[in-house]
Amino acid sequence: MPRRTCLSSPLRLGTLAVFALLPMLAQAQDADEQAVKAANGAFYAALSRTDEAAMGQVWVHAPYVAAIHPGSKAPIIGWEAVQQSWTDNFTRFPVTTVTPSEPMAFHRNGNTAWIVGTEAVHLKDTGGKEFQFTALATNVYEFQNGHWLMVVHHASLVPQ
């Protein structure tokens, strides 16, 4: 009498295939996380260099992007407005150093990913006055044309 198993051969084969693919899936997820973190690093590099051209390369240029800066009185919506906000900030604070913490939270869902953490901010305005503070930050990225690009940057002062 043939031995009976609780799993049919096709099901068993499928299960084995899934387990064989798990390491590759984990590697793909790790690669995506590293790519998003690299995009996040490029954003902070552009910010700390007050480099408008580099800032333009890390953002999606669309009407739905948004930014909230520590000094914002309202959300800034749309690429043109966000771009102008960076121009204004870089003009007002020609010396800008923003150092992100290690991400406190990272999540990716499909073509969207976000990083939550803090930023150590050091600014010097055109008059030489210096400002230092910590900000809470959320950066949201969207995968477009093979690149992770920013769609939201929200930085708020940590309450004192």
N, C-alpha and C. Protein backbone atom coordinates (compact mmCIF):
# COMPACT_ATOMS: atom_id res chain seq x y z
N MET A 1 0.84 -1.17 0.00
CA MET A 1 0.00 0.00 0.00
C MET A 1 0.89 1.24 0.00
N PRO A 2 0.61 2.22 -0.90
CA PRO A 2 1.44 3.41 -0.95
C PRO A 2 1.32 4.23 0.33
N ARG A 3 2.43 4.82 0.67
CA ARG A 3 2.46 5.65 1.88
C ARG A 3 1.74 6.96 1.59
N ARG A 4 0.88 7.39 2.49
CA ARG A 4 0.13 8.63 2.30
C ARG A 4 0.79 9.73 3.13
N THR A 5 0.83 10.90 2.54
CA THR A 5 1.33 12.06 3.27
C THR A 5 0.25 13.11 3.29
N CYS A 6 0.37 14.02 4.20
CA CYS A 6 -0.65 15.06 4.30
C CYS A 6 -0.46 16.15 3.24
N LEU A 7 0.69 16.17 2.59
CA LEU A 7 0.93 17.16 1.54
C LEU A 7 1.06 16.46 0.20
N SER A 8 0.35 16.93 -0.78
CA SER A 8 0.49 16.37 -2.12
C SER A 8 1.84 16.79 -2.68
N SER A 9 2.30 16.10 -3.69
CA SER A 9 3.61 16.40 -4.29
C SER A 9 3.70 17.83 -4.80
N PRO A 10 2.69 18.35 -5.54
CA PRO A 10 2.80 19.75 -6.00
C PRO A 10 2.85 20.74 -4.83
N LEU A 11 2.07 20.47 -3.80
CA LEU A 11 2.08 21.38 -2.64
C LEU A 11 3.42 21.32 -1.93
N ARG A 12 3.96 20.13 -1.81
CA ARG A 12 5.27 19.97 -1.18
C ARG A 12 6.34 20.70 -2.00
N LEU A 13 6.28 20.57 -3.30
CA LEU A 13 7.23 21.24 -4.17
C LEU A 13 7.11 22.76 -4.06
N GLY A 14 5.88 23.25 -4.00
CA GLY A 14 5.65 24.69 -3.85
C GLY A 14 6.19 25.20 -2.52
N THR A 15 5.97 24.44 -1.47
CA THR A 15 6.46 24.82 -0.14
C THR A 15 7.99 24.89 -0.14
N LEU A 16 8.61 23.89 -0.75
CA LEU A 16 10.08 23.89 -0.83
C LEU A 16 10.59 25.08 -1.64
N ALA A 17 9.89 25.42 -2.71
CA ALA A 17 10.29 26.56 -3.53
C ALA A 17 10.22 27.86 -2.74
N VAL A 18 9.16 28.02 -1.95
CA VAL A 18 9.01 29.23 -1.13
C VAL A 18 10.17 29.33 -0.15
N PHE A 19 10.49 28.23 0.53
CA PHE A 19 11.59 28.26 1.49
C PHE A 19 12.93 28.52 0.79
N ALA A 20 13.08 28.02 -0.42
CA ALA A 20 14.31 28.27 -1.17
C ALA A 20 14.43 29.73 -1.57
N LEU A 21 13.30 30.39 -1.83
CA LEU A 21 13.32 31.79 -2.26
C LEU A 21 13.41 32.79 -1.11
N LEU A 22 13.12 32.37 0.11
CA LEU A 22 13.12 33.30 1.24
C LEU A 22 14.43 34.07 1.39
N PRO A 23 15.58 33.44 1.30
CA PRO A 23 16.82 34.22 1.42
C PRO A 23 16.95 35.29 0.33
N MET A 24 16.53 34.97 -0.90
CA MET A 24 16.61 35.96 -1.97
C MET A 24 15.65 37.11 -1.72
N LEU A 25 14.46 36.82 -1.19
CA LEU A 25 13.51 37.88 -0.86
C LEU A 25 14.07 38.78 0.23
N ALA A 26 14.69 38.18 1.23
CA ALA A 26 15.28 38.96 2.32
C ALA A 26 16.40 39.85 1.79
N GLN A 27 17.20 39.33 0.86
CA GLN A 27 18.27 40.14 0.27
C GLN A 27 17.70 41.30 -0.52
N ALA A 28 16.60 41.07 -1.25
CA ALA A 28 15.97 42.14 -2.03
C ALA A 28 15.43 43.21 -1.09
N GLN A 29 14.83 42.79 0.04
CA GLN A 29 14.33 43.77 1.00
C GLN A 29 15.48 44.56 1.60
N ASP A 30 16.58 43.89 1.93
CA ASP A 30 17.75 44.59 2.46
C ASP A 30 18.29 45.59 1.44
N ALA A 31 18.32 45.20 0.17
CA ALA A 31 18.81 46.10 -0.88
C ALA A 31 17.90 47.32 -1.00
N ASP A 32 16.57 47.10 -0.93
CA ASP A 32 15.63 48.23 -0.98
C ASP A 32 15.84 49.16 0.20
N GLU A 33 16.00 48.58 1.39
CA GLU A 33 16.20 49.42 2.58
C GLU A 33 17.49 50.23 2.43
N GLN A 34 18.54 49.61 1.95
CA GLN A 34 19.80 50.33 1.75
C GLN A 34 19.65 51.43 0.70
N ALA A 35 18.87 51.16 -0.35
CA ALA A 35 18.66 52.17 -1.39
C ALA A 35 17.87 53.37 -0.85
N VAL A 36 16.88 53.11 -0.01
CA VAL A 36 16.11 54.21 0.59
C VAL A 36 17.01 55.00 1.54
N LYS A 37 17.80 54.30 2.32
CA LYS A 37 18.71 54.99 3.25
C LYS A 37 19.76 55.80 2.47
N ALA A 38 20.18 55.31 1.32
CA ALA A 38 21.12 56.08 0.48
C ALA A 38 20.44 57.34 -0.04
N ALA A 39 19.18 57.23 -0.44
CA ALA A 39 18.43 58.41 -0.89
C ALA A 39 18.29 59.41 0.26
N ASN A 40 18.06 58.90 1.46
CA ASN A 40 17.96 59.76 2.64
C ASN A 40 19.30 60.47 2.88
N GLY A 41 20.39 59.73 2.73
CA GLY A 41 21.72 60.32 2.87
C GLY A 41 21.98 61.41 1.83
N ALA A 42 21.52 61.18 0.60
CA ALA A 42 21.69 62.18 -0.46
C ALA A 42 20.90 63.44 -0.14
N PHE A 43 19.71 63.28 0.45
CA PHE A 43 18.92 64.44 0.86
C PHE A 43 19.68 65.26 1.90
N TYR A 44 20.20 64.60 2.94
CA TYR A 44 20.91 65.34 3.99
C TYR A 44 22.22 65.94 3.49
N ALA A 45 22.87 65.28 2.53
CA ALA A 45 24.08 65.85 1.94
C ALA A 45 23.74 67.14 1.18
N ALA A 46 22.67 67.11 0.39
CA ALA A 46 22.25 68.31 -0.34
C ALA A 46 21.87 69.42 0.63
N LEU A 47 21.17 69.07 1.69
CA LEU A 47 20.74 70.04 2.69
C LEU A 47 21.95 70.69 3.37
N SER A 48 22.92 69.88 3.77
CA SER A 48 24.08 70.41 4.49
C SER A 48 25.05 71.15 3.58
N ARG A 49 24.94 70.96 2.28
CA ARG A 49 25.76 71.73 1.33
C ARG A 49 25.00 72.95 0.81
N THR A 50 23.76 73.12 1.24
CA THR A 50 22.84 74.14 0.71
C THR A 50 22.91 74.14 -0.82
N ASP A 51 22.78 72.95 -1.37
CA ASP A 51 22.94 72.72 -2.81
C ASP A 51 21.56 72.55 -3.45
N GLU A 52 21.08 73.63 -4.07
CA GLU A 52 19.75 73.60 -4.68
C GLU A 52 19.65 72.58 -5.81
N ALA A 53 20.68 72.46 -6.62
CA ALA A 53 20.64 71.50 -7.73
C ALA A 53 20.55 70.07 -7.20
N ALA A 54 21.37 69.75 -6.20
CA ALA A 54 21.32 68.41 -5.62
C ALA A 54 19.99 68.16 -4.93
N MET A 55 19.44 69.20 -4.29
CA MET A 55 18.13 69.05 -3.65
C MET A 55 17.07 68.72 -4.70
N GLY A 56 17.16 69.35 -5.84
CA GLY A 56 16.22 69.08 -6.91
C GLY A 56 16.30 67.65 -7.43
N GLN A 57 17.47 67.04 -7.31
CA GLN A 57 17.66 65.67 -7.79
C GLN A 57 17.10 64.62 -6.85
N VAL A 58 16.88 64.96 -5.58
CA VAL A 58 16.41 63.95 -4.63
C VAL A 58 14.89 63.97 -4.45
N TRP A 59 14.21 64.95 -5.05
CA TRP A 59 12.76 65.09 -4.91
C TRP A 59 12.02 64.67 -6.17
N VAL A 60 10.80 64.18 -5.98
CA VAL A 60 9.85 64.02 -7.08
C VAL A 60 9.36 65.43 -7.43
N HIS A 61 9.28 65.75 -8.69
CA HIS A 61 8.80 67.06 -9.13
C HIS A 61 7.33 66.91 -9.51
N ALA A 62 6.48 66.99 -8.50
CA ALA A 62 5.05 66.76 -8.71
C ALA A 62 4.23 67.67 -7.80
N PRO A 63 2.97 67.90 -8.14
CA PRO A 63 2.13 68.80 -7.34
C PRO A 63 1.74 68.22 -5.98
N TYR A 64 1.99 66.95 -5.74
CA TYR A 64 1.57 66.34 -4.47
C TYR A 64 2.68 66.27 -3.42
N VAL A 65 3.91 66.68 -3.76
CA VAL A 65 4.97 66.63 -2.75
C VAL A 65 4.73 67.70 -1.69
N ALA A 66 5.31 67.49 -0.50
CA ALA A 66 5.05 68.42 0.60
C ALA A 66 6.26 68.51 1.52
N ALA A 67 6.39 69.67 2.15
CA ALA A 67 7.44 69.88 3.14
C ALA A 67 6.88 70.72 4.28
N ILE A 68 7.37 70.41 5.47
CA ILE A 68 7.11 71.25 6.64
C ILE A 68 8.47 71.41 7.32
N HIS A 69 8.96 72.63 7.36
CA HIS A 69 10.24 72.93 7.98
C HIS A 69 9.99 73.35 9.44
N PRO A 70 11.03 73.31 10.28
CA PRO A 70 10.83 73.71 11.67
C PRO A 70 10.21 75.10 11.83
N GLY A 71 10.48 76.01 10.93
CA GLY A 71 9.91 77.36 11.01
C GLY A 71 8.65 77.57 10.19
N SER A 72 8.16 76.51 9.55
CA SER A 72 6.97 76.66 8.69
C SER A 72 5.73 77.01 9.51
N LYS A 73 4.93 77.89 8.95
CA LYS A 73 3.66 78.24 9.57
C LYS A 73 2.51 77.43 8.97
N ALA A 74 2.78 76.78 7.83
CA ALA A 74 1.79 75.95 7.14
C ALA A 74 2.54 74.95 6.27
N PRO A 75 1.88 73.85 5.90
CA PRO A 75 2.51 72.91 4.98
C PRO A 75 2.82 73.58 3.63
N ILE A 76 3.90 73.16 3.02
CA ILE A 76 4.32 73.66 1.71
C ILE A 76 3.99 72.55 0.72
N ILE A 77 3.11 72.83 -0.23
CA ILE A 77 2.60 71.79 -1.12
C ILE A 77 2.98 72.08 -2.56
N GLY A 78 3.43 71.06 -3.26
CA GLY A 78 3.77 71.16 -4.68
C GLY A 78 5.25 71.42 -4.88
N TRP A 79 5.82 70.84 -5.95
CA TRP A 79 7.25 70.94 -6.16
C TRP A 79 7.73 72.38 -6.26
N GLU A 80 7.04 73.24 -6.99
CA GLU A 80 7.51 74.61 -7.15
C GLU A 80 7.60 75.31 -5.79
N ALA A 81 6.60 75.13 -4.95
CA ALA A 81 6.61 75.76 -3.62
C ALA A 81 7.69 75.15 -2.73
N VAL A 82 7.85 73.83 -2.79
CA VAL A 82 8.89 73.17 -1.99
C VAL A 82 10.27 73.64 -2.45
N GLN A 83 10.48 73.69 -3.76
CA GLN A 83 11.75 74.16 -4.30
C GLN A 83 12.04 75.59 -3.83
N GLN A 84 11.04 76.45 -3.88
CA GLN A 84 11.22 77.83 -3.44
C GLN A 84 11.54 77.89 -1.95
N SER A 85 10.95 76.99 -1.16
CA SER A 85 11.23 76.98 0.28
C SER A 85 12.69 76.65 0.55
N TRP A 86 13.26 75.73 -0.25
CA TRP A 86 14.68 75.42 -0.08
C TRP A 86 15.54 76.60 -0.51
N THR A 87 15.18 77.26 -1.60
CA THR A 87 15.91 78.45 -2.04
C THR A 87 15.89 79.50 -0.94
N ASP A 88 14.72 79.74 -0.36
CA ASP A 88 14.59 80.74 0.71
C ASP A 88 15.41 80.35 1.94
N ASN A 89 15.34 79.07 2.34
CA ASN A 89 16.09 78.62 3.51
C ASN A 89 17.59 78.71 3.28
N PHE A 90 18.05 78.33 2.09
CA PHE A 90 19.49 78.37 1.80
C PHE A 90 20.00 79.81 1.72
N THR A 91 19.16 80.73 1.28
CA THR A 91 19.53 82.15 1.25
C THR A 91 19.60 82.70 2.66
N ARG A 92 18.63 82.36 3.48
CA ARG A 92 18.58 82.87 4.86
C ARG A 92 19.66 82.25 5.73
N PHE A 93 19.94 80.96 5.52
CA PHE A 93 20.92 80.23 6.33
C PHE A 93 21.99 79.63 5.41
N PRO A 94 22.96 80.44 4.98
CA PRO A 94 23.97 79.92 4.05
C PRO A 94 24.86 78.85 4.66
N VAL A 95 24.93 78.81 5.98
CA VAL A 95 25.66 77.72 6.64
C VAL A 95 24.61 76.84 7.31
N THR A 96 24.49 75.64 6.81
CA THR A 96 23.49 74.69 7.29
C THR A 96 24.14 73.33 7.46
N THR A 97 24.03 72.78 8.64
CA THR A 97 24.48 71.41 8.88
C THR A 97 23.35 70.68 9.57
N VAL A 98 22.87 69.63 8.93
CA VAL A 98 21.80 68.82 9.50
C VAL A 98 22.27 67.38 9.49
N THR A 99 22.38 66.81 10.69
CA THR A 99 22.87 65.45 10.84
C THR A 99 21.73 64.57 11.34
N PRO A 100 21.30 63.61 10.52
CA PRO A 100 20.21 62.74 10.98
C PRO A 100 20.73 61.69 11.96
N SER A 101 19.85 61.28 12.85
CA SER A 101 20.15 60.15 13.72
C SER A 101 20.06 58.88 12.89
N GLU A 102 20.46 57.78 13.46
CA GLU A 102 20.15 56.50 12.82
C GLU A 102 18.63 56.42 12.80
N PRO A 103 18.06 55.89 11.71
CA PRO A 103 16.59 55.83 11.66
C PRO A 103 16.01 55.09 12.86
N MET A 104 15.01 55.70 13.47
CA MET A 104 14.31 55.06 14.57
C MET A 104 13.25 54.11 14.04
N ALA A 105 12.78 54.42 12.83
CA ALA A 105 11.79 53.56 12.18
C ALA A 105 12.01 53.63 10.68
N PHE A 106 11.91 52.48 10.06
CA PHE A 106 11.97 52.37 8.60
C PHE A 106 10.87 51.42 8.19
N HIS A 107 10.16 51.79 7.13
CA HIS A 107 9.13 50.88 6.61
C HIS A 107 9.01 51.10 5.11
N ARG A 108 8.83 50.01 4.41
CA ARG A 108 8.60 50.05 2.96
C ARG A 108 7.35 49.26 2.66
N ASN A 109 6.50 49.84 1.81
CA ASN A 109 5.30 49.16 1.36
C ASN A 109 5.16 49.45 -0.12
N GLY A 110 5.49 48.48 -0.94
CA GLY A 110 5.42 48.69 -2.38
C GLY A 110 6.41 49.74 -2.83
N ASN A 111 5.91 50.75 -3.53
CA ASN A 111 6.81 51.79 -4.05
C ASN A 111 6.93 53.00 -3.13
N THR A 112 6.52 52.83 -1.86
CA THR A 112 6.61 53.92 -0.88
C THR A 112 7.40 53.43 0.33
N ALA A 113 8.23 54.32 0.86
CA ALA A 113 8.99 53.99 2.07
C ALA A 113 9.13 55.25 2.90
N TRP A 114 9.29 55.07 4.21
CA TRP A 114 9.51 56.23 5.05
C TRP A 114 10.50 55.92 6.15
N ILE A 115 11.15 57.00 6.57
CA ILE A 115 12.14 56.95 7.64
C ILE A 115 11.75 57.99 8.67
N VAL A 116 11.76 57.58 9.93
CA VAL A 116 11.44 58.49 11.04
C VAL A 116 12.65 58.53 11.96
N GLY A 117 13.02 59.72 12.40
CA GLY A 117 14.15 59.87 13.30
C GLY A 117 14.25 61.28 13.81
N THR A 118 15.44 61.65 14.23
CA THR A 118 15.69 63.02 14.68
C THR A 118 16.82 63.61 13.84
N GLU A 119 16.93 64.92 13.90
CA GLU A 119 17.98 65.66 13.20
C GLU A 119 18.65 66.61 14.19
N ALA A 120 19.97 66.64 14.17
CA ALA A 120 20.72 67.66 14.89
C ALA A 120 20.96 68.79 13.88
N VAL A 121 20.41 69.96 14.16
CA VAL A 121 20.44 71.07 13.21
C VAL A 121 21.33 72.19 13.74
N HIS A 122 22.22 72.67 12.87
CA HIS A 122 23.06 73.82 13.19
C HIS A 122 22.97 74.76 12.00
N LEU A 123 22.50 75.98 12.25
CA LEU A 123 22.32 76.97 11.19
C LEU A 123 23.08 78.25 11.55
N LYS A 124 23.54 78.94 10.52
CA LYS A 124 24.10 80.28 10.71
C LYS A 124 23.46 81.17 9.65
N ASP A 125 22.80 82.24 10.11
CA ASP A 125 22.12 83.12 9.15
C ASP A 125 23.11 84.10 8.53
N THR A 126 22.62 84.92 7.62
CA THR A 126 23.48 85.86 6.89
C THR A 126 24.12 86.90 7.80
N GLY A 127 23.53 87.14 8.97
CA GLY A 127 24.10 88.08 9.93
C GLY A 127 25.09 87.42 10.88
N GLY A 128 25.31 86.11 10.75
CA GLY A 128 26.25 85.41 11.61
C GLY A 128 25.64 84.81 12.85
N LYS A 129 24.34 85.00 13.06
CA LYS A 129 23.67 84.43 14.23
C LYS A 129 23.51 82.93 14.05
N GLU A 130 23.86 82.18 15.11
CA GLU A 130 23.80 80.73 15.04
C GLU A 130 22.58 80.18 15.78
N PHE A 131 22.07 79.09 15.25
CA PHE A 131 20.92 78.39 15.84
C PHE A 131 21.27 76.91 15.89
N GLN A 132 21.00 76.29 17.03
CA GLN A 132 21.19 74.85 17.17
C GLN A 132 19.97 74.27 17.85
N PHE A 133 19.47 73.18 17.30
CA PHE A 133 18.30 72.53 17.89
C PHE A 133 18.19 71.11 17.36
N THR A 134 17.33 70.36 18.00
CA THR A 134 16.99 69.01 17.55
C THR A 134 15.60 69.05 16.96
N ALA A 135 15.44 68.38 15.83
CA ALA A 135 14.13 68.30 15.18
C ALA A 135 13.71 66.84 15.06
N LEU A 136 12.42 66.62 15.15
CA LEU A 136 11.83 65.32 14.82
C LEU A 136 11.62 65.32 13.32
N ALA A 137 11.93 64.23 12.66
CA ALA A 137 11.85 64.23 11.19
C ALA A 137 11.18 62.97 10.65
N THR A 138 10.38 63.18 9.63
CA THR A 138 9.79 62.10 8.85
C THR A 138 10.07 62.39 7.38
N ASN A 139 10.68 61.44 6.71
CA ASN A 139 10.97 61.56 5.28
C ASN A 139 10.28 60.42 4.55
N VAL A 140 9.51 60.76 3.54
CA VAL A 140 8.76 59.76 2.77
C VAL A 140 9.32 59.74 1.35
N TYR A 141 9.53 58.54 0.84
CA TYR A 141 10.11 58.35 -0.49
C TYR A 141 9.17 57.52 -1.35
N GLU A 142 9.29 57.75 -2.66
CA GLU A 142 8.51 57.01 -3.65
C GLU A 142 9.48 56.47 -4.69
N PHE A 143 9.27 55.23 -5.10
CA PHE A 143 10.14 54.62 -6.09
C PHE A 143 9.62 54.97 -7.48
N GLN A 144 10.43 55.70 -8.24
CA GLN A 144 10.06 56.13 -9.58
C GLN A 144 11.25 55.96 -10.52
N ASN A 145 11.01 55.34 -11.64
CA ASN A 145 12.04 55.19 -12.68
C ASN A 145 13.37 54.68 -12.13
N GLY A 146 13.28 53.69 -11.24
CA GLY A 146 14.49 53.06 -10.71
C GLY A 146 15.17 53.81 -9.58
N HIS A 147 14.53 54.86 -9.05
CA HIS A 147 15.15 55.66 -7.99
C HIS A 147 14.15 55.91 -6.86
N TRP A 148 14.66 55.96 -5.64
CA TRP A 148 13.85 56.39 -4.50
C TRP A 148 13.98 57.90 -4.39
N LEU A 149 12.86 58.61 -4.51
CA LEU A 149 12.85 60.07 -4.48
C LEU A 149 11.91 60.56 -3.38
N MET A 150 12.27 61.67 -2.78
CA MET A 150 11.50 62.23 -1.68
C MET A 150 10.17 62.81 -2.16
N VAL A 151 9.12 62.55 -1.38
CA VAL A 151 7.82 63.17 -1.64
C VAL A 151 7.34 63.98 -0.44
N VAL A 152 7.87 63.70 0.74
CA VAL A 152 7.51 64.46 1.95
C VAL A 152 8.73 64.58 2.85
N HIS A 153 8.98 65.79 3.32
CA HIS A 153 9.95 66.02 4.40
C HIS A 153 9.22 66.85 5.45
N HIS A 154 9.17 66.32 6.66
CA HIS A 154 8.52 67.03 7.77
C HIS A 154 9.50 67.05 8.93
N ALA A 155 9.91 68.24 9.33
CA ALA A 155 10.81 68.41 10.47
C ALA A 155 10.18 69.42 11.42
N SER A 156 10.02 69.00 12.67
CA SER A 156 9.43 69.86 13.70
C SER A 156 10.37 69.96 14.88
N LEU A 157 10.39 71.13 15.50
CA LEU A 157 11.21 71.32 16.70
C LEU A 157 10.77 70.38 17.81
N VAL A 158 11.74 69.85 18.53
CA VAL A 158 11.43 69.06 19.72
C VAL A 158 11.01 70.05 20.80
N PRO A 159 9.84 69.88 21.41
CA PRO A 159 9.40 70.83 22.45
C PRO A 159 10.41 70.89 23.60
N GLN A 160 10.63 72.08 24.10
CA GLN A 160 11.55 72.28 25.23
C GLN A 160 10.82 72.21 26.54
